[in-house]
Protein backbone atom coordinates (compact mmCIF):
# COMPACT_ATOMS: atom_id res chain seq x y z
CA UNK A 1 167.77 74.30 13.40
CA UNK A 2 166.93 71.96 16.29
CA UNK A 3 167.47 73.21 19.78
CA UNK A 4 169.96 71.17 21.81
CA UNK A 5 168.95 69.77 25.18
CA UNK A 6 170.08 72.01 28.02
CA UNK A 7 171.82 70.59 31.06
CA UNK A 8 169.73 70.58 34.22
CA UNK A 9 170.87 73.01 36.87
CA UNK A 10 172.58 71.57 39.92
CA UNK A 11 170.81 71.45 43.25
CA UNK A 12 173.61 73.22 45.11
CA UNK A 13 175.76 76.28 44.67
CA UNK A 14 179.32 77.12 45.47
CA UNK A 15 180.31 80.05 47.66
CA UNK A 16 183.25 82.42 47.24
CA UNK A 17 185.21 80.42 49.80
CA UNK A 18 184.82 77.28 47.71
CA UNK A 19 182.36 75.49 49.95
CA UNK A 20 179.16 74.03 48.58
CA UNK A 21 175.78 74.77 50.10
CA UNK A 22 172.88 72.47 49.42
CA UNK A 23 169.31 73.71 49.16
CA UNK A 24 168.05 71.83 52.16
CA UNK A 25 164.61 70.33 52.57
CA UNK A 26 162.17 71.42 49.89
CA UNK A 27 159.05 69.44 50.81
CA UNK A 28 156.49 69.93 53.53
CA UNK A 29 157.96 70.32 56.99
CA UNK A 30 157.04 67.46 59.34
CA UNK A 31 154.81 68.36 62.26
CA UNK A 32 156.16 68.23 65.81
CA UNK A 33 154.43 64.92 66.46
CA UNK A 34 155.89 63.41 63.27
CA UNK A 35 159.39 64.56 64.23
CA UNK A 36 159.18 63.26 67.80
CA UNK A 37 157.61 59.95 66.69
CA UNK A 38 160.51 59.36 64.31
CA UNK A 39 163.08 60.20 66.95
CA UNK A 40 161.39 58.00 69.51
CA UNK A 41 161.23 55.07 67.09
CA UNK A 42 164.93 55.42 66.18
CA UNK A 43 165.88 55.66 69.86
CA UNK A 44 163.79 52.56 70.62
CA UNK A 45 165.44 50.64 67.79
CA UNK A 46 168.94 51.63 68.95
CA UNK A 47 168.10 50.57 72.49
CA UNK A 48 166.80 47.18 71.33
CA UNK A 49 169.92 46.62 69.21
CA UNK A 50 172.12 47.50 72.16
CA UNK A 51 170.24 45.14 74.48
CA UNK A 52 170.52 42.29 71.96
CA UNK A 53 174.32 42.45 71.93
CA UNK A 54 176.11 40.20 74.42
CA UNK A 55 178.14 41.97 77.12
CA UNK A 56 181.89 42.44 76.68
CA UNK A 57 184.74 42.82 79.13
CA UNK A 58 185.72 46.01 77.30
CA UNK A 59 182.39 47.71 78.01
CA UNK A 60 182.48 46.50 81.61
CA UNK A 61 186.03 47.87 81.92
CA UNK A 62 185.07 51.26 80.55
CA UNK A 63 182.15 51.49 82.93
CA UNK A 64 184.34 50.38 85.85
CA UNK A 65 186.95 53.05 85.05
CA UNK A 66 184.32 55.78 84.83
CA UNK A 67 182.73 54.68 88.11
CA UNK A 68 186.15 54.52 89.79
CA UNK A 69 187.00 58.02 88.53
CA UNK A 70 183.77 59.37 90.01
CA UNK A 71 184.57 57.50 93.22
CA UNK A 72 188.10 58.98 93.24
CA UNK A 73 186.77 62.53 92.91
CA UNK A 74 184.20 61.88 95.65
CA UNK A 75 186.83 60.52 98.03
CA UNK A 76 189.17 63.45 97.33
CA UNK A 77 186.54 66.18 97.55
CA UNK A 78 183.95 64.93 100.01
CA UNK A 79 186.12 62.91 102.39
CA UNK A 80 189.31 64.97 101.93
CA UNK A 81 191.59 61.95 101.76
CA UNK A 82 195.23 62.06 100.66
CA UNK A 83 195.64 61.51 96.90
CA UNK A 84 197.77 58.37 97.29
CA UNK A 85 195.17 56.71 99.51
CA UNK A 86 192.32 57.81 97.25
CA UNK A 87 194.04 56.47 94.11
CA UNK A 88 194.75 53.09 95.69
CA UNK A 89 191.14 52.88 96.87
CA UNK A 90 189.90 53.78 93.37
CA UNK A 91 192.14 51.07 91.86
CA UNK A 92 190.65 48.56 94.29
CA UNK A 93 187.16 49.70 93.26
CA UNK A 94 188.01 49.01 89.58
CA UNK A 95 188.86 45.43 90.60
CA UNK A 96 185.47 45.16 92.31
CA UNK A 97 183.41 46.97 89.64
CA UNK A 98 184.87 45.13 86.64
CA UNK A 99 183.63 41.55 87.27
CA UNK A 100 180.53 42.81 89.06
CA UNK A 101 179.52 44.90 86.03
CA UNK A 102 180.30 42.15 83.51
CA UNK A 103 178.39 39.42 85.33
CA UNK A 104 175.45 41.74 86.01
CA UNK A 105 175.29 42.54 82.28
CA UNK A 106 175.61 38.84 81.44
CA UNK A 107 172.75 37.98 83.81
CA UNK A 108 170.52 40.67 82.27
CA UNK A 109 171.45 39.62 78.72
CA UNK A 110 170.68 35.95 79.36
CA UNK A 111 167.40 36.84 81.06
CA UNK A 112 166.37 38.97 78.09
CA UNK A 113 167.31 36.24 75.59
CA UNK A 114 165.34 33.66 77.58
CA UNK A 115 162.32 35.97 77.64
CA UNK A 116 162.54 36.57 73.86
CA UNK A 117 162.78 32.82 73.23
CA UNK A 118 159.69 32.18 75.36
CA UNK A 119 157.72 34.88 73.50
CA UNK A 120 158.78 33.37 70.17
CA UNK A 121 157.74 29.90 71.33
CA UNK A 122 154.34 31.21 72.45
CA UNK A 123 153.81 32.98 69.12
CA UNK A 124 154.63 29.78 67.19
CA UNK A 125 152.28 27.72 69.36
CA UNK A 126 149.47 30.22 68.79
CA UNK A 127 149.90 30.29 65.03
CA UNK A 128 150.63 26.59 64.59
């Protein structure tokens, strides 16, 4: 009588609590330099992607609110101002930080795009 094909065992196992544990990495462990090189490359790629996105008012607003909150705490703690005066001063700082942050980001973004376009133009002139 022919033997039937047996089903391959699964690569994970269940626990008594019903959760599933996987085996984890089974190959050779990467060396420290291989791990750090991969992390550095991914971080570099994320940074480049972030720098290639145009600035938004939302990101400028978030940064302005965080900076104003730090400013509020500094005014309350270091200069021992009354809370009402400190809050109004922090609100004024948001109005200053918001356009300043957006237009600074816009300037940096445009400068970077101009630089990338020049490098691309140079590369085309060299090859063509």
